[in-house]
N, C-alpha and C. Protein backbone atom coordinates (compact mmCIF):
# COMPACT_ATOMS: atom_id res chain seq x y z
N MET A 1 213.13 185.56 59.91
CA MET A 1 214.32 185.51 58.87
C MET A 1 215.81 186.35 59.14
N ASN A 2 217.21 186.12 59.57
CA ASN A 2 217.49 188.04 60.05
C ASN A 2 218.56 187.30 58.74
N ASN A 3 218.63 186.98 58.22
CA ASN A 3 220.01 186.32 57.03
C ASN A 3 219.14 186.81 55.90
N PRO A 4 218.93 188.23 55.45
CA PRO A 4 219.00 188.97 54.62
C PRO A 4 219.26 187.69 52.91
N ILE A 5 220.61 187.30 53.00
CA ILE A 5 220.44 186.49 51.47
C ILE A 5 219.88 185.07 51.84
N GLU A 6 219.71 184.11 53.02
CA GLU A 6 219.13 182.84 52.86
C GLU A 6 218.21 183.77 52.06
N LYS A 7 217.36 184.52 52.81
CA LYS A 7 216.11 185.14 52.79
C LYS A 7 215.46 185.66 51.11
N PHE A 8 216.22 186.23 51.18
CA PHE A 8 216.69 186.41 49.33
C PHE A 8 216.66 184.95 47.99
N ASN A 9 216.94 184.00 48.81
CA ASN A 9 217.58 182.82 48.28
C ASN A 9 216.15 182.17 48.66
N ASP A 10 215.25 182.32 49.33
CA ASP A 10 213.89 181.07 49.48
C ASP A 10 212.99 182.22 48.82
N LEU A 11 212.88 183.50 49.17
CA LEU A 11 211.84 184.16 47.84
C LEU A 11 212.38 184.03 46.09
N TRP A 12 213.56 183.41 45.41
CA TRP A 12 213.65 183.80 44.20
C TRP A 12 213.55 182.28 44.44
N GLN A 13 213.41 181.13 45.20
CA GLN A 13 213.56 179.42 44.79
C GLN A 13 211.82 179.39 45.02
N GLN A 14 211.32 180.83 45.66
CA GLN A 14 209.14 180.12 45.09
C GLN A 14 208.81 180.80 44.42
N ALA A 15 209.32 182.60 44.15
CA ALA A 15 209.53 183.08 42.34
C ALA A 15 209.37 182.60 41.28
N LEU A 16 210.74 181.13 41.72
CA LEU A 16 210.68 180.79 40.09
C LEU A 16 209.65 179.89 39.37
N LEU A 17 208.68 178.73 41.21
CA LEU A 17 207.75 178.37 40.51
C LEU A 17 206.66 178.68 40.39
N ASP A 18 206.52 178.33 39.59
CA ASP A 18 204.81 179.12 38.93
C ASP A 18 204.68 179.89 38.61
N SER A 19 205.87 180.52 38.31
CA SER A 19 206.18 181.81 37.32
C SER A 19 206.07 181.95 35.68
N PRO A 20 204.42 183.48 36.28
CA PRO A 20 204.37 183.41 34.58
C PRO A 20 205.49 184.15 33.69
N LEU A 21 206.48 184.82 34.38
CA LEU A 21 207.57 185.62 33.72
C LEU A 21 207.84 184.65 32.62
N GLN A 22 208.94 185.34 31.22
CA GLN A 22 209.64 184.51 31.12
C GLN A 22 211.12 184.10 30.78
N GLN A 23 212.03 185.32 31.41
CA GLN A 23 212.69 185.46 32.13
C GLN A 23 212.20 184.88 33.19
N LYS A 24 212.78 184.21 34.20
CA LYS A 24 212.43 183.95 35.35
C LYS A 24 213.65 185.15 36.35
N SER A 25 214.30 184.67 35.66
CA SER A 25 215.46 185.52 36.65
C SER A 25 216.09 186.92 36.72
N ALA A 26 215.32 187.58 35.58
CA ALA A 26 215.50 188.88 35.46
C ALA A 26 215.27 189.78 36.90
N VAL A 27 216.39 190.98 36.69
CA VAL A 27 216.91 191.39 37.67
C VAL A 27 216.60 192.92 37.48
N CYS A 28 216.28 194.18 38.05
CA CYS A 28 216.42 195.20 37.18
C CYS A 28 218.15 196.22 37.32
N VAL A 29 219.16 196.23 37.59
CA VAL A 29 220.66 196.45 37.64
C VAL A 29 220.57 198.15 37.90
N SER A 30 220.81 199.07 38.02
CA SER A 30 221.03 200.45 37.78
C SER A 30 222.16 201.34 38.86
N THR A 31 222.87 201.84 37.76
CA THR A 31 223.49 202.32 37.85
C THR A 31 223.81 204.04 37.37
N ILE A 32 225.43 204.39 37.65
CA ILE A 32 225.33 206.22 37.49
C ILE A 32 225.97 206.27 36.16
N ASN A 33 225.48 207.22 35.08
CA ASN A 33 226.16 207.88 34.09
C ASN A 33 227.39 208.49 34.41
N ALA A 34 228.06 208.74 33.33
CA ALA A 34 228.86 209.98 33.51
C ALA A 34 228.31 211.03 33.69
N GLU A 35 227.22 211.76 33.17
CA GLU A 35 226.12 213.06 33.80
C GLU A 35 225.85 212.67 34.97
N GLY A 36 225.76 211.72 35.41
CA GLY A 36 225.65 211.70 37.42
C GLY A 36 223.76 211.42 36.91
N PHE A 37 223.53 211.23 35.76
CA PHE A 37 222.03 210.05 35.73
C PHE A 37 222.23 208.22 36.02
N PRO A 38 220.69 208.19 36.58
CA PRO A 38 220.54 206.68 37.12
C PRO A 38 220.41 206.02 35.83
N GLU A 39 220.87 205.31 35.61
CA GLU A 39 221.05 204.50 33.85
C GLU A 39 219.69 202.94 34.90
N SER A 40 219.12 202.43 34.17
CA SER A 40 218.02 201.02 35.13
C SER A 40 218.72 200.44 33.21
N ARG A 41 218.69 198.24 34.09
CA ARG A 41 217.78 198.04 32.60
C ARG A 41 218.38 196.37 33.35
N PHE A 42 217.47 195.37 32.60
CA PHE A 42 217.18 194.31 33.39
C PHE A 42 217.80 193.27 32.30
N VAL A 43 218.91 192.40 33.14
CA VAL A 43 220.01 191.05 33.36
C VAL A 43 219.72 190.00 33.78
N ASP A 44 219.50 189.36 33.55
CA ASP A 44 220.24 187.78 34.31
C ASP A 44 220.80 187.99 35.18
N LEU A 45 220.15 188.28 36.33
CA LEU A 45 220.56 187.00 37.63
C LEU A 45 221.00 185.56 37.53
N LYS A 46 223.13 186.06 37.79
CA LYS A 46 223.19 183.85 37.50
C LYS A 46 223.15 183.54 39.05
N GLN A 47 223.35 184.09 40.28
CA GLN A 47 223.70 183.41 41.80
C GLN A 47 223.62 184.55 42.41
N VAL A 48 223.10 183.95 44.39
CA VAL A 48 222.98 184.62 45.44
C VAL A 48 223.40 184.20 46.27
N ASP A 49 224.69 184.37 46.77
CA ASP A 49 225.41 183.99 48.15
C ASP A 49 226.15 185.27 48.98
N GLU A 50 226.22 184.72 49.76
CA GLU A 50 227.59 185.39 50.78
C GLU A 50 228.17 186.43 50.32
N GLN A 51 228.59 186.52 49.31
CA GLN A 51 229.18 186.82 48.50
C GLN A 51 228.76 187.96 48.02
N GLY A 52 227.40 188.15 47.51
CA GLY A 52 226.96 189.09 46.48
C GLY A 52 226.75 188.04 45.44
N PHE A 53 225.81 189.19 44.80
CA PHE A 53 224.87 188.87 43.79
C PHE A 53 225.40 189.19 42.85
N VAL A 54 225.22 188.00 41.53
CA VAL A 54 226.11 187.90 39.98
C VAL A 54 225.34 188.72 39.06
N PHE A 55 225.68 188.81 38.03
CA PHE A 55 225.45 188.94 36.63
C PHE A 55 226.15 188.89 35.00
N CYS A 56 226.27 188.40 34.56
CA CYS A 56 227.09 188.39 33.34
C CYS A 56 226.96 189.79 32.15
N THR A 57 227.63 190.24 31.68
CA THR A 57 227.69 191.33 30.45
C THR A 57 229.39 191.63 30.00
N TYR A 58 228.82 192.29 29.30
CA TYR A 58 229.88 192.89 28.58
C TYR A 58 230.53 194.12 28.87
N TYR A 59 231.96 193.92 29.48
CA TYR A 59 233.08 194.66 29.94
C TYR A 59 232.83 196.17 29.69
N ASP A 60 232.57 195.88 28.47
CA ASP A 60 232.67 197.31 27.74
C ASP A 60 231.07 197.63 27.33
N SER A 61 230.11 197.06 27.58
CA SER A 61 229.36 198.01 27.43
C SER A 61 228.93 199.94 28.37
N ASN A 62 227.51 199.76 28.55
CA ASN A 62 227.61 201.31 29.05
C ASN A 62 227.15 200.95 30.42
N LYS A 63 226.97 199.48 30.94
CA LYS A 63 226.91 199.29 32.09
C LYS A 63 228.15 199.58 33.09
N GLY A 64 229.05 198.70 32.40
CA GLY A 64 230.09 198.29 32.94
C GLY A 64 231.32 199.14 31.91
N GLN A 65 231.18 200.51 31.73
CA GLN A 65 231.85 201.59 31.54
C GLN A 65 231.92 202.04 33.00
N GLU A 66 230.50 202.15 33.09
CA GLU A 66 229.28 202.98 34.42
C GLU A 66 229.55 202.76 36.15
N ILE A 67 229.94 200.75 35.79
CA ILE A 67 230.66 200.28 36.49
C ILE A 67 231.98 200.72 37.27
N SER A 68 232.75 200.66 35.77
CA SER A 68 234.37 201.29 36.26
C SER A 68 234.66 203.15 36.76
N ARG A 69 233.67 203.94 36.81
CA ARG A 69 233.26 205.27 36.89
C ARG A 69 233.40 205.36 38.43
N ASN A 70 232.71 204.27 38.96
CA ASN A 70 231.82 204.56 40.49
C ASN A 70 230.59 202.98 40.19
N PRO A 71 231.61 202.28 40.98
CA PRO A 71 231.05 200.75 40.94
C PRO A 71 229.55 201.05 42.29
N LYS A 72 229.45 202.06 42.20
CA LYS A 72 227.79 202.06 43.75
C LYS A 72 226.70 202.01 42.74
N VAL A 73 225.92 200.88 42.79
CA VAL A 73 224.90 200.31 42.23
C VAL A 73 223.72 200.08 42.23
N SER A 74 222.34 199.63 42.58
CA SER A 74 221.23 198.84 42.92
C SER A 74 220.88 198.03 42.45
N LEU A 75 220.09 197.10 43.17
CA LEU A 75 219.97 196.37 42.21
C LEU A 75 218.05 196.01 42.04
N SER A 76 216.72 195.97 41.81
CA SER A 76 215.91 195.88 42.52
C SER A 76 214.76 194.27 41.19
N VAL A 77 214.06 194.03 42.27
CA VAL A 77 213.06 193.29 41.39
C VAL A 77 211.43 192.70 42.11
N TRP A 78 211.55 192.54 41.12
CA TRP A 78 209.48 193.19 41.39
C TRP A 78 208.99 192.18 40.97
N TRP A 79 208.30 190.62 42.11
CA TRP A 79 207.86 189.28 41.68
C TRP A 79 206.37 189.35 42.02
N ASP A 80 205.86 189.97 41.40
CA ASP A 80 203.97 190.28 41.10
C ASP A 80 203.40 188.97 42.41
N HIS A 81 203.57 187.96 40.72
CA HIS A 81 202.37 186.44 41.78
C HIS A 81 203.38 185.94 42.42
N ILE A 82 203.96 186.62 43.59
CA ILE A 82 203.93 186.12 45.16
C ILE A 82 204.60 187.99 45.89
N GLY A 83 203.49 188.57 46.06
CA GLY A 83 203.60 189.70 46.25
C GLY A 83 205.09 190.04 47.35
N GLN A 84 205.49 190.21 46.15
CA GLN A 84 206.96 190.84 46.81
C GLN A 84 208.16 191.28 45.33
N GLN A 85 208.99 192.59 46.45
CA GLN A 85 210.23 193.28 46.52
C GLN A 85 211.28 193.33 46.39
N VAL A 86 212.20 193.16 45.98
CA VAL A 86 213.59 193.46 46.94
C VAL A 86 214.55 194.57 46.54
N ARG A 87 214.86 195.31 47.29
CA ARG A 87 216.04 196.34 46.65
C ARG A 87 217.01 196.04 46.98
N VAL A 88 218.30 196.20 46.18
CA VAL A 88 219.64 195.52 46.71
C VAL A 88 220.42 196.96 46.57
N VAL A 89 221.11 197.58 47.98
CA VAL A 89 221.88 198.66 47.71
C VAL A 89 224.00 197.96 47.70
N GLY A 90 224.73 198.14 47.17
CA GLY A 90 226.28 198.36 47.45
C GLY A 90 227.18 198.60 45.82
N LEU A 91 228.35 197.75 45.96
CA LEU A 91 229.66 197.61 45.16
C LEU A 91 229.44 196.68 44.34
N ALA A 92 229.31 197.33 43.52
CA ALA A 92 230.46 196.17 42.15
C ALA A 92 231.57 195.61 41.92
N GLU A 93 231.60 194.43 41.40
CA GLU A 93 232.93 194.34 41.32
C GLU A 93 233.57 193.40 40.62
N LYS A 94 234.29 192.56 39.38
CA LYS A 94 233.92 192.36 38.76
C LYS A 94 234.38 190.73 39.04
N ILE A 95 233.58 189.58 38.83
CA ILE A 95 233.64 188.18 39.30
C ILE A 95 235.42 187.46 38.49
N SER A 96 235.97 186.70 39.17
CA SER A 96 237.20 186.06 38.89
C SER A 96 236.88 185.75 37.25
N GLU A 97 238.29 185.70 36.23
CA GLU A 97 237.69 185.03 35.03
C GLU A 97 237.63 183.54 34.63
N GLN A 98 238.08 182.74 36.11
CA GLN A 98 237.53 181.37 36.22
C GLN A 98 235.86 181.07 35.76
N ALA A 99 235.75 182.18 36.96
CA ALA A 99 233.98 181.78 37.60
C ALA A 99 232.98 182.40 36.06
N ALA A 100 233.28 183.59 35.38
CA ALA A 100 233.34 184.06 33.88
C ALA A 100 232.87 183.11 33.40
N ILE A 101 233.82 181.80 32.81
CA ILE A 101 233.75 180.98 31.35
C ILE A 101 233.42 180.51 32.69
N GLN A 102 232.95 179.91 33.67
CA GLN A 102 232.13 179.19 33.64
C GLN A 102 230.20 179.57 33.71
N PHE A 103 229.95 180.79 34.30
CA PHE A 103 229.13 181.37 33.19
C PHE A 103 229.09 180.89 32.02
N TRP A 104 230.18 181.07 30.99
CA TRP A 104 229.23 181.29 29.52
C TRP A 104 229.63 180.15 29.23
N GLN A 105 230.18 179.18 30.12
CA GLN A 105 229.39 178.22 30.22
C GLN A 105 228.15 177.01 29.96
N THR A 106 226.89 177.53 30.50
CA THR A 106 225.87 177.64 31.18
C THR A 106 225.73 178.21 29.64
N ARG A 107 226.00 179.17 28.89
CA ARG A 107 224.75 179.60 28.33
C ARG A 107 224.30 179.11 27.07
N SER A 108 223.80 179.51 26.17
CA SER A 108 223.30 178.68 24.69
C SER A 108 223.89 179.15 24.01
N ARG A 109 224.15 177.87 23.10
CA ARG A 109 224.56 178.38 22.54
C ARG A 109 224.70 179.38 21.09
N SER A 110 223.25 179.86 21.23
CA SER A 110 222.60 180.97 19.83
C SER A 110 223.14 182.39 21.18
N ALA A 111 223.04 182.31 22.04
CA ALA A 111 223.49 183.71 23.16
C ALA A 111 225.10 183.61 23.38
N GLN A 112 225.89 182.46 23.52
CA GLN A 112 227.38 182.82 22.86
C GLN A 112 227.66 183.60 21.79
N LEU A 113 226.92 182.99 20.71
CA LEU A 113 227.11 183.37 19.24
C LEU A 113 226.35 184.83 19.27
N THR A 114 225.25 184.93 20.21
CA THR A 114 225.16 186.24 19.68
C THR A 114 225.89 187.61 20.47
N THR A 115 226.92 187.21 21.14
CA THR A 115 227.56 187.43 22.10
C THR A 115 228.66 187.89 21.40
N LEU A 116 229.60 187.17 20.49
CA LEU A 116 230.77 187.52 19.72
C LEU A 116 229.71 188.22 18.46
N SER A 117 228.36 187.92 18.20
CA SER A 117 228.48 189.07 17.40
C SER A 117 227.84 190.51 17.10
N CYS A 118 228.06 190.61 18.34
CA CYS A 118 228.34 191.89 18.98
C CYS A 118 227.88 193.23 19.43
N GLU A 119 228.61 194.28 19.62
CA GLU A 119 229.21 194.43 20.27
C GLU A 119 228.42 195.94 21.14
N GLN A 120 227.65 195.17 21.96
CA GLN A 120 225.90 196.02 22.92
C GLN A 120 226.95 197.51 23.26
N SER A 121 225.07 198.00 23.30
CA SER A 121 225.49 199.56 23.44
C SER A 121 226.04 200.04 21.67
N GLN A 122 227.44 200.17 20.29
CA GLN A 122 227.00 200.91 19.81
C GLN A 122 226.17 200.91 18.94
N PRO A 123 225.88 201.99 18.17
CA PRO A 123 225.14 201.93 17.52
C PRO A 123 225.08 201.12 15.69
N LEU A 124 223.98 200.81 14.92
CA LEU A 124 223.44 199.82 14.56
C LEU A 124 222.25 200.33 13.74
N SER A 125 223.84 200.01 11.90
CA SER A 125 222.48 200.76 11.22
C SER A 125 221.51 200.55 10.34
N SER A 126 221.61 199.24 10.85
CA SER A 126 220.10 198.25 10.74
C SER A 126 219.79 197.48 11.13
N GLU A 127 218.93 196.70 11.39
CA GLU A 127 218.00 195.68 11.74
C GLU A 127 219.06 193.72 10.97
N SER A 128 218.65 195.01 9.42
CA SER A 128 219.15 193.37 8.57
C SER A 128 220.97 193.40 8.43
N ALA A 129 221.58 194.44 9.39
CA ALA A 129 222.52 193.77 9.80
C ALA A 129 223.46 193.47 10.88
N LEU A 130 222.90 193.63 12.33
CA LEU A 130 222.46 192.61 12.89
C LEU A 130 222.06 191.32 12.60
N VAL A 131 221.31 190.47 11.98
CA VAL A 131 221.40 189.06 11.06
C VAL A 131 222.65 188.88 10.59
N GLU A 132 222.98 190.11 9.65
CA GLU A 132 224.02 189.26 8.88
C GLU A 132 224.85 189.07 9.95
N GLN A 133 225.42 189.72 11.17
CA GLN A 133 226.75 189.91 11.89
C GLN A 133 226.15 188.81 12.44
N PHE A 134 224.92 188.40 12.59
CA PHE A 134 225.26 186.57 13.61
C PHE A 134 225.40 186.07 12.41
N ASP A 135 224.61 185.55 11.03
CA ASP A 135 225.24 184.50 10.53
C ASP A 135 226.20 184.07 10.40
N LYS A 136 227.43 185.48 10.36
CA LYS A 136 228.45 185.11 9.79
C LYS A 136 229.20 184.86 10.84
N THR A 137 229.42 185.48 12.03
CA THR A 137 229.59 184.60 13.07
C THR A 137 229.37 182.53 13.42
N GLN A 138 228.05 182.57 12.81
CA GLN A 138 227.35 181.18 13.08
C GLN A 138 227.74 180.36 11.92
N GLN A 139 228.59 181.02 11.21
CA GLN A 139 229.52 180.22 9.54
C GLN A 139 230.78 179.74 10.75
N THR A 140 231.74 180.85 11.12
CA THR A 140 232.63 180.97 11.28
C THR A 140 232.67 179.66 12.75
N PHE A 141 231.60 180.40 13.55
CA PHE A 141 232.13 178.37 14.23
C PHE A 141 231.34 177.71 14.43
N GLU A 142 230.68 177.20 13.15
CA GLU A 142 230.03 175.96 13.33
C GLU A 142 231.34 174.86 12.86
N GLY A 143 230.22 173.90 13.94
CA GLY A 143 231.12 172.57 13.63
C GLY A 143 232.27 173.20 15.23
N LYS A 144 232.22 174.24 15.73
CA LYS A 144 233.40 174.16 16.88
C LYS A 144 232.84 175.01 17.60
N GLY A 145 233.21 175.21 19.14
CA GLY A 145 232.93 175.47 20.51
C GLY A 145 234.17 176.75 20.18
N VAL A 146 232.53 178.05 21.05
CA VAL A 146 232.10 178.96 21.60
C VAL A 146 232.71 179.09 22.36
N THR A 147 234.15 180.87 22.10
CA THR A 147 235.32 181.05 22.86
C THR A 147 234.55 181.97 24.30
N LYS A 148 234.65 181.88 24.77
CA LYS A 148 233.87 183.46 25.90
C LYS A 148 235.46 184.69 25.16
N PRO A 149 234.63 185.85 24.93
CA PRO A 149 235.50 186.87 24.99
C PRO A 149 236.06 187.73 25.97
N GLN A 150 237.30 188.15 25.75
CA GLN A 150 237.82 189.47 27.12
C GLN A 150 236.49 190.18 27.21
N ASN A 151 236.08 190.37 26.59
CA ASN A 151 235.49 191.68 26.90
C ASN A 151 234.56 191.84 28.10
N TRP A 152 234.10 190.53 27.59
CA TRP A 152 232.99 189.94 28.76
C TRP A 152 232.91 188.73 29.72
N GLY A 153 232.38 188.66 31.68
CA GLY A 153 232.62 188.30 32.55
C GLY A 153 230.76 188.92 32.99
N GLY A 154 231.57 189.24 34.14
CA GLY A 154 230.40 189.11 35.66
C GLY A 154 231.22 190.39 35.66
N TYR A 155 229.47 190.65 37.32
CA TYR A 155 230.35 191.42 37.64
C TYR A 155 229.46 190.21 39.55
N ARG A 156 229.61 190.98 40.90
CA ARG A 156 229.66 191.20 41.56
C ARG A 156 228.63 192.48 42.59
N ILE A 157 227.53 192.29 42.82
CA ILE A 157 226.78 193.42 43.61
C ILE A 157 227.36 192.78 45.76
N ARG A 158 228.51 194.23 46.22
CA ARG A 158 227.95 192.99 47.29
C ARG A 158 227.30 194.29 48.13
N PRO A 159 226.32 193.74 48.81
CA PRO A 159 225.24 194.19 49.37
C PRO A 159 225.99 195.16 50.47
N VAL A 160 225.03 196.43 50.32
CA VAL A 160 225.41 197.43 51.76
C VAL A 160 223.80 197.57 52.37
N SER A 161 222.87 197.31 52.01
CA SER A 161 221.20 196.85 52.41
C SER A 161 220.79 196.49 51.76
N ILE A 162 219.97 195.60 52.09
CA ILE A 162 218.57 195.05 51.29
C ILE A 162 217.55 194.87 51.58
N GLU A 163 216.28 195.25 51.49
CA GLU A 163 215.18 195.65 51.91
C GLU A 163 214.59 195.26 51.05
N PHE A 164 212.93 194.41 51.77
CA PHE A 164 212.29 193.97 51.76
C PHE A 164 211.11 194.07 51.47
N LEU A 165 210.07 194.07 50.72
CA LEU A 165 208.44 194.39 50.98
C LEU A 165 207.48 193.42 50.38
N ALA A 166 206.95 192.93 51.73
CA ALA A 166 205.96 192.46 51.22
C ALA A 166 204.75 192.89 51.14
N PHE A 167 203.77 193.00 49.33
CA PHE A 167 202.71 193.64 49.46
C PHE A 167 201.70 193.21 50.29
N ALA A 168 200.85 194.24 49.70
CA ALA A 168 199.85 193.81 50.92
C ALA A 168 198.35 195.24 50.39
N GLU A 169 197.51 194.00 49.79
CA GLU A 169 196.32 194.81 49.56
C GLU A 169 195.77 195.59 49.85
N SER A 170 195.72 196.40 51.34
CA SER A 170 196.06 197.32 51.97
C SER A 170 196.50 198.63 51.87
N ARG A 171 197.72 198.45 51.05
CA ARG A 171 198.86 198.70 51.61
C ARG A 171 199.76 199.28 52.38
N LEU A 172 198.91 198.46 53.40
CA LEU A 172 199.92 198.03 54.81
C LEU A 172 201.62 197.23 54.83
N HIS A 173 201.79 197.78 53.78
CA HIS A 173 203.06 196.53 52.94
C HIS A 173 204.21 195.89 53.89
N LEU A 174 204.18 195.33 54.64
CA LEU A 174 205.47 195.37 55.61
C LEU A 174 207.12 194.76 54.92
N ARG A 175 207.61 196.22 55.29
CA ARG A 175 209.07 196.51 54.46
C ARG A 175 210.04 196.23 55.81
N THR A 176 210.54 195.28 55.57
CA THR A 176 212.09 195.04 56.44
C THR A 176 213.29 195.24 56.18
N ARG A 177 214.41 196.59 56.38
CA ARG A 177 214.96 196.45 55.68
C ARG A 177 216.28 196.22 56.69
N PHE A 178 217.89 195.30 55.73
CA PHE A 178 218.51 194.54 56.79
C PHE A 178 220.11 195.24 56.15
N THR A 179 220.96 195.91 57.55
CA THR A 179 222.21 196.47 56.58
C THR A 179 223.09 196.39 57.22
N LYS A 180 224.55 196.25 56.44
CA LYS A 180 225.14 195.83 57.23
C LYS A 180 226.34 196.77 57.51
N LYS A 181 226.87 196.31 58.35
CA LYS A 181 227.99 196.96 59.26
C LYS A 181 229.07 196.19 59.61
N ASN A 182 230.13 196.52 59.20
CA ASN A 182 231.42 195.21 59.61
C ASN A 182 230.91 193.96 59.68
N ASP A 183 230.30 193.87 59.05
CA ASP A 183 229.81 191.99 58.73
C ASP A 183 229.14 191.47 58.74
N VAL A 184 228.40 192.62 59.97
CA VAL A 184 227.02 191.90 60.69
C VAL A 184 225.49 192.89 59.84
N TRP A 185 224.90 192.11 60.36
CA TRP A 185 223.67 192.43 59.59
C TRP A 185 222.69 192.73 59.78
N THR A 186 222.37 194.13 60.57
CA THR A 186 221.27 194.12 60.79
C THR A 186 219.97 194.37 60.79
N LYS A 187 218.13 194.70 61.30
CA LYS A 187 217.60 194.80 60.79
C LYS A 187 216.70 195.32 61.07
N MET A 188 215.50 195.56 60.54
CA MET A 188 214.82 197.38 60.95
C MET A 188 213.20 197.53 60.39
N LEU A 189 212.72 197.43 60.37
CA LEU A 189 210.84 196.82 60.10
C LEU A 189 210.91 198.90 60.47
N LEU A 190 210.76 199.26 58.67
CA LEU A 190 209.89 200.27 57.58
C LEU A 190 208.75 200.28 57.11
N GLN A 191 208.07 201.33 58.08
CA GLN A 191 206.97 201.70 57.77
C GLN A 191 206.42 201.71 55.91
N PRO A 192 205.45 201.57 55.74
CA PRO A 192 205.05 201.33 54.23
C PRO A 192 204.80 202.28 53.72
């Protein structure tokens, strides 16, 4: 297959089938902090198409601030049950407000309320304070729809390279790297 986006989506669909994972679409996104160190965390992958890889977050979170300073990011996934690793390198950009609203509406009510009751990455005095904040937000929105906050949305990683590794017990892993230049993907095999 010469289209890495199609290849990724095929593998993602395979990985979703009989997945032992509770968070089936979790991927690791890495950014660069103000001191120049990489910061990695898992996020929920929402969509992958020819435009890129989409995940949602608070824009004023650490990752949001890091992306605003330096949009060069990477995304990694390891699907052990199908023996596949994928590494993506690219540039992150905000998705449209309309797309963010659509993704917001797919979230559970509990996830929406949690988002409204928290200030991601900010210090927390105690676990009980967090529960109290959530309960207060839940009461405020009882019987009402939960509107997306302005500081929540999504990012699309526009890939410049995508690398696939098919795991082999012998350690003779098959690695395939796709590199994009002038909107054309070039395919290259790499040694394990």
